[in-house]
PDB file of N, CA and C in Angstrom:
ATOM      1  N   MET A   1      58.528-117.737 -10.181  1.00  0.00           N
ATOM      2  CA  MET A   1      57.761-117.668 -11.243  1.00  0.00           C
ATOM      3  C   MET A   1      56.523-116.797 -11.098  1.00  0.00           C
ATOM      4  N   TYR A   2      55.451-117.671 -10.302  1.00  0.00           N
ATOM      5  CA  TYR A   2      54.795-117.437 -10.287  1.00  0.00           C
ATOM      6  C   TYR A   2      54.333-115.851  -9.669  1.00  0.00           C
ATOM      7  N   ASN A   3      55.515-115.516  -8.759  1.00  0.00           N
ATOM      8  CA  ASN A   3      54.945-113.890  -8.321  1.00  0.00           C
ATOM      9  C   ASN A   3      55.432-112.552 -10.097  1.00  0.00           C
ATOM     10  N   LEU A   4      56.213-113.439 -10.887  1.00  0.00           N
ATOM     11  CA  LEU A   4      56.641-112.790 -12.007  1.00  0.00           C
ATOM     12  C   LEU A   4      55.266-112.759 -12.509  1.00  0.00           C
ATOM     13  N   LEU A   5      54.807-113.421 -12.452  1.00  0.00           N
ATOM     14  CA  LEU A   5      53.611-113.239 -13.682  1.00  0.00           C
ATOM     15  C   LEU A   5      52.484-112.919 -13.024  1.00  0.00           C
ATOM     16  N   ASP A   6      52.760-112.529 -11.444  1.00  0.00           N
ATOM     17  CA  ASP A   6      51.653-112.004 -10.528  1.00  0.00           C
ATOM     18  C   ASP A   6      51.958-110.270 -11.230  1.00  0.00           C
ATOM     19  N   PHE A   7      53.501-110.681 -11.164  1.00  0.00           N
ATOM     20  CA  PHE A   7      53.415-108.904 -11.163  1.00  0.00           C
ATOM     21  C   PHE A   7      53.774-107.803 -12.633  1.00  0.00           C
ATOM     22  N   LEU A   8      53.007-109.074 -13.818  1.00  0.00           N
ATOM     23  CA  LEU A   8      53.915-108.677 -15.340  1.00  0.00           C
ATOM     24  C   LEU A   8      51.652-108.707 -14.643  1.00  0.00           C
ATOM     25  N   SER A   9      50.755-109.315 -14.544  1.00  0.00           N
ATOM     26  CA  SER A   9      49.756-109.367 -14.582  1.00  0.00           C
ATOM     27  C   SER A   9      48.776-107.473 -14.067  1.00  0.00           C
ATOM     28  N   TRP A  10      49.779-106.914 -12.767  1.00  0.00           N
ATOM     29  CA  TRP A  10      49.282-105.858 -12.648  1.00  0.00           C
ATOM     30  C   TRP A  10      50.001-104.724 -13.104  1.00  0.00           C
ATOM     31  N   GLY A  11      51.213-104.699 -13.626  1.00  0.00           N
ATOM     32  CA  GLY A  11      52.144-104.392 -14.629  1.00  0.00           C
ATOM     33  C   GLY A  11      51.039-104.396 -15.558  1.00  0.00           C
ATOM     34  N   LEU A  12      50.173-104.675 -16.264  1.00  0.00           N
ATOM     35  CA  LEU A  12      49.638-105.202 -17.460  1.00  0.00           C
ATOM     36  C   LEU A  12      48.105-103.934 -16.782  1.00  0.00           C
ATOM     37  N   VAL A  13      47.380-104.229 -15.959  1.00  0.00           N
ATOM     38  CA  VAL A  13      46.297-103.300 -15.466  1.00  0.00           C
ATOM     39  C   VAL A  13      47.055-101.877 -14.476  1.00  0.00           C
ATOM     40  N   ILE A  14      47.917-101.829 -14.581  1.00  0.00           N
ATOM     41  CA  ILE A  14      48.270-100.301 -14.095  1.00  0.00           C
ATOM     42  C   ILE A  14      48.434-100.080 -15.966  1.00  0.00           C
ATOM     43  N   TYR A  15      49.037-100.725 -17.086  1.00  0.00           N
ATOM     44  CA  TYR A  15      49.008 -99.930 -18.518  1.00  0.00           C
ATOM     45  C   TYR A  15      48.068 -99.524 -19.524  1.00  0.00           C
ATOM     46  N   ILE A  16      46.786-100.876 -18.447  1.00  0.00           N
ATOM     47  CA  ILE A  16      45.006-100.203 -19.158  1.00  0.00           C
ATOM     48  C   ILE A  16      44.771 -98.834 -18.914  1.00  0.00           C
ATOM     49  N   THR A  17      44.851 -99.555 -17.256  1.00  0.00           N
ATOM     50  CA  THR A  17      44.267 -97.698 -16.576  1.00  0.00           C
ATOM     51  C   THR A  17      44.838 -96.854 -17.042  1.00  0.00           C
ATOM     52  N   MET A  18      46.884 -96.451 -17.150  1.00  0.00           N
ATOM     53  CA  MET A  18      47.233 -95.723 -17.259  1.00  0.00           C
ATOM     54  C   MET A  18      46.251 -94.881 -18.730  1.00  0.00           C
ATOM     55  N   ASN A  19      46.217 -95.640 -20.066  1.00  0.00           N
ATOM     56  CA  ASN A  19      46.068 -95.362 -20.559  1.00  0.00           C
ATOM     57  C   ASN A  19      44.629 -95.045 -21.278  1.00  0.00           C
ATOM     58  N   LEU A  20      43.343 -95.957 -20.693  1.00  0.00           N
ATOM     59  CA  LEU A  20      41.976 -95.075 -20.078  1.00  0.00           C
ATOM     60  C   LEU A  20      41.956 -93.726 -19.837  1.00  0.00           C
ATOM     61  N   LEU A  21      42.916 -93.439 -18.916  1.00  0.00           N
ATOM     62  CA  LEU A  21      43.003 -92.014 -17.962  1.00  0.00           C
ATOM     63  C   LEU A  21      43.565 -90.812 -18.738  1.00  0.00           C
ATOM     64  N   THR A  22      44.604 -91.504 -19.658  1.00  0.00           N
ATOM     65  CA  THR A  22      44.977 -90.138 -20.696  1.00  0.00           C
ATOM     66  C   THR A  22      43.668 -89.631 -21.527  1.00  0.00           C
ATOM     67  N   TYR A  23      43.638 -91.194 -21.979  1.00  0.00           N
ATOM     68  CA  TYR A  23      42.576 -91.344 -23.225  1.00  0.00           C
ATOM     69  C   TYR A  23      41.105 -90.100 -22.526  1.00  0.00           C
ATOM     70  N   PHE A  24      40.810 -89.935 -21.539  1.00  0.00           N
ATOM     71  CA  PHE A  24      39.539 -89.724 -21.127  1.00  0.00           C
ATOM     72  C   PHE A  24      40.553 -87.743 -20.417  1.00  0.00           C
ATOM     73  N   GLY A  25      41.637 -87.712 -20.337  1.00  0.00           N
ATOM     74  CA  GLY A  25      42.020 -86.592 -20.478  1.00  0.00           C
ATOM     75  C   GLY A  25      42.448 -86.570 -18.663  1.00  0.00           C
ATOM     76  N   ILE A  26      42.584 -87.812 -18.003  1.00  0.00           N
ATOM     77  CA  ILE A  26      42.340 -87.320 -16.057  1.00  0.00           C
ATOM     78  C   ILE A  26      43.794 -87.055 -15.788  1.00  0.00           C
ATOM     79  N   LEU A  27      43.995 -87.648 -17.136  1.00  0.00           N
ATOM     80  CA  LEU A  27      46.021 -87.921 -16.486  1.00  0.00           C
ATOM     81  C   LEU A  27      47.219 -87.635 -17.736  1.00  0.00           C
ATOM     82  N   ASN A  28      48.390 -86.414 -17.689  1.00  0.00           N
ATOM     83  CA  ASN A  28      48.399 -86.065 -18.258  1.00  0.00           C
ATOM     84  C   ASN A  28      49.655 -86.953 -18.326  1.00  0.00           C
ATOM     85  N   LYS A  29      50.305 -86.471 -19.777  1.00  0.00           N
ATOM     86  CA  LYS A  29      51.985 -87.702 -19.611  1.00  0.00           C
ATOM     87  C   LYS A  29      52.395 -86.545 -19.766  1.00  0.00           C
ATOM     88  N   SER A  30      52.865 -85.091 -19.575  1.00  0.00           N
ATOM     89  CA  SER A  30      53.406 -83.637 -19.589  1.00  0.00           C
ATOM     90  C   SER A  30      54.142 -83.842 -17.979  1.00  0.00           C
ATOM     91  N   ASN A  31      53.535 -84.687 -17.347  1.00  0.00           N
ATOM     92  CA  ASN A  31      54.221 -85.859 -16.055  1.00  0.00           C
ATOM     93  C   ASN A  31      55.567 -86.035 -16.233  1.00  0.00           C
ATOM     94  N   GLN A  32      57.054 -85.900 -16.465  1.00  0.00           N
ATOM     95  CA  GLN A  32      57.945 -86.856 -16.131  1.00  0.00           C
ATOM     96  C   GLN A  32      58.162 -87.891 -15.700  1.00  0.00           C
ATOM     97  N   ILE A  33      57.502 -87.969 -14.232  1.00  0.00           N
ATOM     98  CA  ILE A  33      57.024 -90.040 -13.544  1.00  0.00           C
ATOM     99  C   ILE A  33      56.585 -90.510 -14.054  1.00  0.00           C
ATOM    100  N   VAL A  34      55.404 -89.801 -14.662  1.00  0.00           N
ATOM    101  CA  VAL A  34      54.044 -90.448 -15.215  1.00  0.00           C
ATOM    102  C   VAL A  34      54.442 -91.192 -17.094  1.00  0.00           C
ATOM    103  N   LEU A  35      55.050 -90.187 -17.800  1.00  0.00           N
ATOM    104  CA  LEU A  35      56.211 -90.483 -18.416  1.00  0.00           C
ATOM    105  C   LEU A  35      56.833 -91.478 -19.005  1.00  0.00           C
ATOM    106  N   LYS A  36      57.507 -91.775 -18.159  1.00  0.00           N
ATOM    107  CA  LYS A  36      58.677 -92.900 -17.576  1.00  0.00           C
ATOM    108  C   LYS A  36      57.653 -93.889 -16.951  1.00  0.00           C
ATOM    109  N   ILE A  37      57.103 -93.660 -16.530  1.00  0.00           N
ATOM    110  CA  ILE A  37      55.806 -95.332 -16.239  1.00  0.00           C
ATOM    111  C   ILE A  37      55.326 -95.635 -17.608  1.00  0.00           C
ATOM    112  N   TYR A  38      55.229 -94.975 -17.985  1.00  0.00           N
ATOM    113  CA  TYR A  38      54.062 -94.976 -19.811  1.00  0.00           C
ATOM    114  C   TYR A  38      54.550 -95.289 -20.412  1.00  0.00           C
ATOM    115  N   ILE A  39      55.621 -95.072 -20.669  1.00  0.00           N
ATOM    116  CA  ILE A  39      56.615 -95.274 -21.930  1.00  0.00           C
ATOM    117  C   ILE A  39      57.261 -97.088 -20.890  1.00  0.00           C
ATOM    118  N   SER A  40      57.525 -96.962 -20.336  1.00  0.00           N
ATOM    119  CA  SER A  40      58.340 -98.315 -18.990  1.00  0.00           C
ATOM    120  C   SER A  40      57.578 -99.133 -19.741  1.00  0.00           C
ATOM    121  N   LEU A  41      55.771 -99.695 -18.962  1.00  0.00           N
ATOM    122  CA  LEU A  41      55.154-100.882 -19.552  1.00  0.00           C
ATOM    123  C   LEU A  41      54.872-100.465 -21.063  1.00  0.00           C
ATOM    124  N   MET A  42      54.817 -99.293 -21.325  1.00  0.00           N
ATOM    125  CA  MET A  42      54.537 -99.728 -23.714  1.00  0.00           C
ATOM    126  C   MET A  42      55.279-100.136 -24.027  1.00  0.00           C
ATOM    127  N   ARG A  43      56.968-100.133 -23.454  1.00  0.00           N
ATOM    128  CA  ARG A  43      57.687-100.826 -24.000  1.00  0.00           C
ATOM    129  C   ARG A  43      57.406-103.077 -23.781  1.00  0.00           C
ATOM    130  N   LEU A  44      57.305-102.247 -22.615  1.00  0.00           N
ATOM    131  CA  LEU A  44      57.098-103.438 -21.864  1.00  0.00           C
ATOM    132  C   LEU A  44      55.894-105.377 -22.913  1.00  0.00           C
ATOM    133  N   TYR A  45      55.059-103.309 -23.159  1.00  0.00           N
ATOM    134  CA  TYR A  45      53.757-105.092 -23.193  1.00  0.00           C
ATOM    135  C   TYR A  45      53.178-105.006 -24.834  1.00  0.00           C
ATOM    136  N   GLU A  46      53.225-103.130 -25.099  1.00  0.00           N
ATOM    137  CA  GLU A  46      53.255-103.169 -26.644  1.00  0.00           C
ATOM    138  C   GLU A  46      53.897-104.755 -27.806  1.00  0.00           C
ATOM    139  N   PRO A  47      54.436-105.279 -27.579  1.00  0.00           N
ATOM    140  CA  PRO A  47      55.072-106.663 -28.187  1.00  0.00           C
ATOM    141  C   PRO A  47      54.091-106.718 -28.242  1.00  0.00           C
ATOM    142  N   VAL A  48      53.902-107.498 -27.338  1.00  0.00           N
ATOM    143  CA  VAL A  48      53.004-108.444 -27.048  1.00  0.00           C
ATOM    144  C   VAL A  48      51.722-108.471 -27.157  1.00  0.00           C
ATOM    145  N   LEU A  49      50.913-107.311 -27.532  1.00  0.00           N
ATOM    146  CA  LEU A  49      49.868-106.727 -27.646  1.00  0.00           C
ATOM    147  C   LEU A  49      49.405-107.342 -28.554  1.00  0.00           C
ATOM    148  N   PHE A  50      50.288-106.285 -29.527  1.00  0.00           N
ATOM    149  CA  PHE A  50      50.588-105.693 -30.808  1.00  0.00           C
ATOM    150  C   PHE A  50      50.676-107.811 -32.110  1.00  0.00           C
ATOM    151  N   LYS A  51      51.508-108.071 -30.774  1.00  0.00           N
ATOM    152  CA  LYS A  51      50.769-109.226 -31.982  1.00  0.00           C
ATOM    153  C   LYS A  51      49.637-110.170 -32.213  1.00  0.00           C
ATOM    154  N   ILE A  52      48.826-110.028 -31.159  1.00  0.00           N
ATOM    155  CA  ILE A  52      47.647-110.552 -30.062  1.00  0.00           C
ATOM    156  C   ILE A  52      46.842-109.828 -30.785  1.00  0.00           C
ATOM    157  N   ARG A  53      46.737-109.020 -31.538  1.00  0.00           N
ATOM    158  CA  ARG A  53      45.987-107.762 -31.896  1.00  0.00           C
ATOM    159  C   ARG A  53      46.154-108.074 -33.454  1.00  0.00           C
ATOM    160  N   LYS A  54      46.870-109.039 -34.077  1.00  0.00           N
ATOM    161  CA  LYS A  54      46.829-109.624 -35.641  1.00  0.00           C
ATOM    162  C   LYS A  54      45.948-110.442 -35.797  1.00  0.00           C
ATOM    163  N   TYR A  55      45.506-111.371 -35.040  1.00  0.00           N
ATOM    164  CA  TYR A  55      44.861-112.256 -34.572  1.00  0.00           C
ATOM    165  C   TYR A  55      43.499-111.781 -34.302  1.00  0.00           C
ATOM    166  N   LEU A  56      43.023-111.663 -33.608  1.00  0.00           N
ATOM    167  CA  LEU A  56      41.892-110.327 -33.299  1.00  0.00           C
ATOM    168  C   LEU A  56      41.610-110.446 -34.676  1.00  0.00           C
ATOM    169  N   PRO A  57      40.254-110.336 -34.580  1.00  0.00           N
ATOM    170  CA  PRO A  57      39.736-108.946 -35.541  1.00  0.00           C
ATOM    171  C   PRO A  57      39.111-107.409 -35.305  1.00  0.00           C
ATOM    172  N   GLN A  58      38.987-106.714 -37.087  1.00  0.00           N
ATOM    173  CA  GLN A  58      39.468-105.152 -36.363  1.00  0.00           C
ATOM    174  C   GLN A  58      38.578-104.426 -36.373  1.00  0.00           C
ATOM    175  N   ASN A  59      37.591-105.237 -35.986  1.00  0.00           N
ATOM    176  CA  ASN A  59      36.389-104.298 -35.737  1.00  0.00           C
ATOM    177  C   ASN A  59      35.346-104.391 -34.921  1.00  0.00           C
ATOM    178  N   LEU A  60      36.237-104.894 -33.620  1.00  0.00           N
ATOM    179  CA  LEU A  60      35.183-104.077 -32.559  1.00  0.00           C
ATOM    180  C   LEU A  60      36.172-103.213 -31.796  1.00  0.00           C
ATOM    181  N   PRO A  61      35.147-102.791 -31.396  1.00  0.00           N
ATOM    182  CA  PRO A  61      35.468-101.066 -30.513  1.00  0.00           C
ATOM    183  C   PRO A  61      36.135-100.860 -29.904  1.00  0.00           C
ATOM    184  N   ILE A  62      36.611-102.112 -29.368  1.00  0.00           N
ATOM    185  CA  ILE A  62      37.565-103.117 -27.470  1.00  0.00           C
ATOM    186  C   ILE A  62      37.895-103.794 -28.220  1.00  0.00           C
ATOM    187  N   ASP A  63      39.589-103.318 -27.230  1.00  0.00           N
ATOM    188  CA  ASP A  63      40.571-103.551 -28.465  1.00  0.00           C
ATOM    189  C   ASP A  63      41.267-105.134 -26.758  1.00  0.00           C
ATOM    190  N   LEU A  64      40.533-106.322 -27.298  1.00  0.00           N
ATOM    191  CA  LEU A  64      40.417-107.411 -26.297  1.00  0.00           C
ATOM    192  C   LEU A  64      41.514-107.810 -26.761  1.00  0.00           C
ATOM    193  N   SER A  65      42.648-107.422 -26.752  1.00  0.00           N
ATOM    194  CA  SER A  65      43.968-108.226 -26.738  1.00  0.00           C
ATOM    195  C   SER A  65      44.875-108.629 -25.434  1.00  0.00           C
ATOM    196  N   PRO A  66      44.943-107.051 -24.027  1.00  0.00           N
ATOM    197  CA  PRO A  66      44.977-107.145 -22.798  1.00  0.00           C
ATOM    198  C   PRO A  66      44.245-108.433 -22.182  1.00  0.00           C
ATOM    199  N   ILE A  67      43.156-108.429 -22.791  1.00  0.00           N
ATOM    200  CA  ILE A  67      42.205-109.458 -22.055  1.00  0.00           C
ATOM    201  C   ILE A  67      42.174-111.067 -22.646  1.00  0.00           C
ATOM    202  N   VAL A  68      42.766-111.176 -23.963  1.00  0.00           N
ATOM    203  CA  VAL A  68      43.948-112.580 -23.986  1.00  0.00           C
ATOM    204  C   VAL A  68      45.270-112.583 -23.590  1.00  0.00           C
ATOM    205  N   VAL A  69      45.625-111.488 -22.791  1.00  0.00           N
ATOM    206  CA  VAL A  69      46.585-112.107 -22.490  1.00  0.00           C
ATOM    207  C   VAL A  69      46.762-112.032 -20.766  1.00  0.00           C
ATOM    208  N   PHE A  70      45.610-112.109 -20.606  1.00  0.00           N
ATOM    209  CA  PHE A  70      45.040-112.320 -18.326  1.00  0.00           C
ATOM    210  C   PHE A  70      44.660-113.494 -19.212  1.00  0.00           C
ATOM    211  N   LEU A  71      44.298-114.122 -20.088  1.00  0.00           N
ATOM    212  CA  LEU A  71      43.327-115.365 -20.080  1.00  0.00           C
ATOM    213  C   LEU A  71      44.805-115.652 -20.080  1.00  0.00           C
ATOM    214  N   GLY A  72      45.445-116.096 -20.414  1.00  0.00           N
ATOM    215  CA  GLY A  72      47.081-116.163 -20.308  1.00  0.00           C
ATOM    216  C   GLY A  72      48.324-116.861 -19.423  1.00  0.00           C
ATOM    217  N   ILE A  73      48.216-115.503 -19.524  1.00  0.00           N
ATOM    218  CA  ILE A  73      48.818-114.920 -17.508  1.00  0.00           C
ATOM    219  C   ILE A  73      48.357-116.608 -16.949  1.00  0.00           C
ATOM    220  N   GLU A  74      47.156-116.570 -17.033  1.00  0.00           N
ATOM    221  CA  GLU A  74      46.183-116.720 -15.629  1.00  0.00           C
ATOM    222  C   GLU A  74      46.364-118.761 -16.158  1.00  0.00           C
ATOM    223  N   LEU A  75      46.186-118.826 -17.474  1.00  0.00           N
ATOM    224  CA  LEU A  75      46.402-120.330 -17.821  1.00  0.00           C
ATOM    225  C   LEU A  75      47.959-121.111 -16.961  1.00  0.00           C
ATOM    226  N   VAL A  76      48.886-120.188 -17.423  1.00  0.00           N
ATOM    227  CA  VAL A  76      50.015-119.962 -16.723  1.00  0.00           C
ATOM    228  C   VAL A  76      49.769-120.174 -15.925  1.00  0.00           C
ATOM    229  N   GLN A  77      49.927-119.770 -14.882  1.00  0.00           N
ATOM    230  CA  GLN A  77      50.109-119.581 -13.873  1.00  0.00           C
ATOM    231  C   GLN A  77      48.705-120.781 -13.007  1.00  0.00           C
ATOM    232  N   GLY A  78      48.072-120.847 -13.747  1.00  0.00           N
ATOM    233  CA  GLY A  78      47.110-121.976 -13.291  1.00  0.00           C
ATOM    234  C   GLY A  78      48.111-123.612 -13.510  1.00  0.00           C
ATOM    235  N   ILE A  79      48.935-124.003 -14.286  1.00  0.00           N
ATOM    236  CA  ILE A  79      49.674-125.023 -14.838  1.00  0.00           C
ATOM    237  C   ILE A  79      50.486-125.164 -14.189  1.00  0.00           C
ATOM    238  N   MET A  80      50.878-124.082 -13.660  1.00  0.00           N
ATOM    239  CA  MET A  80      52.212-123.691 -12.579  1.00  0.00           C
ATOM    240  C   MET A  80      51.818-124.944 -11.139  1.00  0.00           C
ATOM    241  N   THR A  81      50.834-123.945 -10.257  1.00  0.00           N
ATOM    242  CA  THR A  81      50.309-124.695  -9.144  1.00  0.00           C
ATOM    243  C   THR A  81      49.858-125.450  -9.674  1.00  0.00           C
ATOM    244  N   THR A  82      49.425-125.920 -10.387  1.00  0.00           N
ATOM    245  CA  THR A  82      48.675-127.642 -10.863  1.00  0.00           C
ATOM    246  C   THR A  82      50.202-129.018 -10.889  1.00  0.00           C
ATOM    247  N   TYR A  83      51.116-128.518 -11.702  1.00  0.00           N
ATOM    248  CA  TYR A  83      52.802-129.343 -11.516  1.00  0.00           C
ATOM    249  C   TYR A  83      53.041-129.401 -11.299  1.00  0.00           C
ATOM    250  N   LEU A  84      53.672-128.061 -10.378  1.00  0.00           N
ATOM    251  CA  LEU A  84      54.295-127.439 -10.257  1.00  0.00           C
ATOM    252  C   LEU A  84      54.289-127.676  -7.767  1.00  0.00           C
ATOM    253  N   TYR A  85      53.353-127.714  -7.420  1.00  0.00           N
ATOM    254  CA  TYR A  85      52.573-127.217  -6.240  1.00  0.00           C
ATOM    255  C   TYR A  85      52.416-128.915  -5.922  1.00  0.00           C
ATOM    256  N   TYR A  86      51.905-129.705  -6.963  1.00  0.00           N
ATOM    257  CA  TYR A  86      50.475-130.615  -6.328  1.00  0.00           C
ATOM    258  C   TYR A  86      51.438-132.130  -6.461  1.00  0.00           C
TER     259      TYR A  86
END
């Protein structure tokens, strides 16, 4: 379970990085491999991020929902470490 949460954390980092690189024109989504990876990550993370965005302020210049997801994953990992390994 801990490895799954670690995998989800790294996947979120890759998704955020791909979003930024696409926004700045460094990464081109016309490449089929890049597009498939991006769509897969989007289908995995956007439902969670969308639900969190509903509760965050909309007038901020930066999207804080990935930070909330990271904190949630870290919280679950900390709880698992505390209660399952000790």
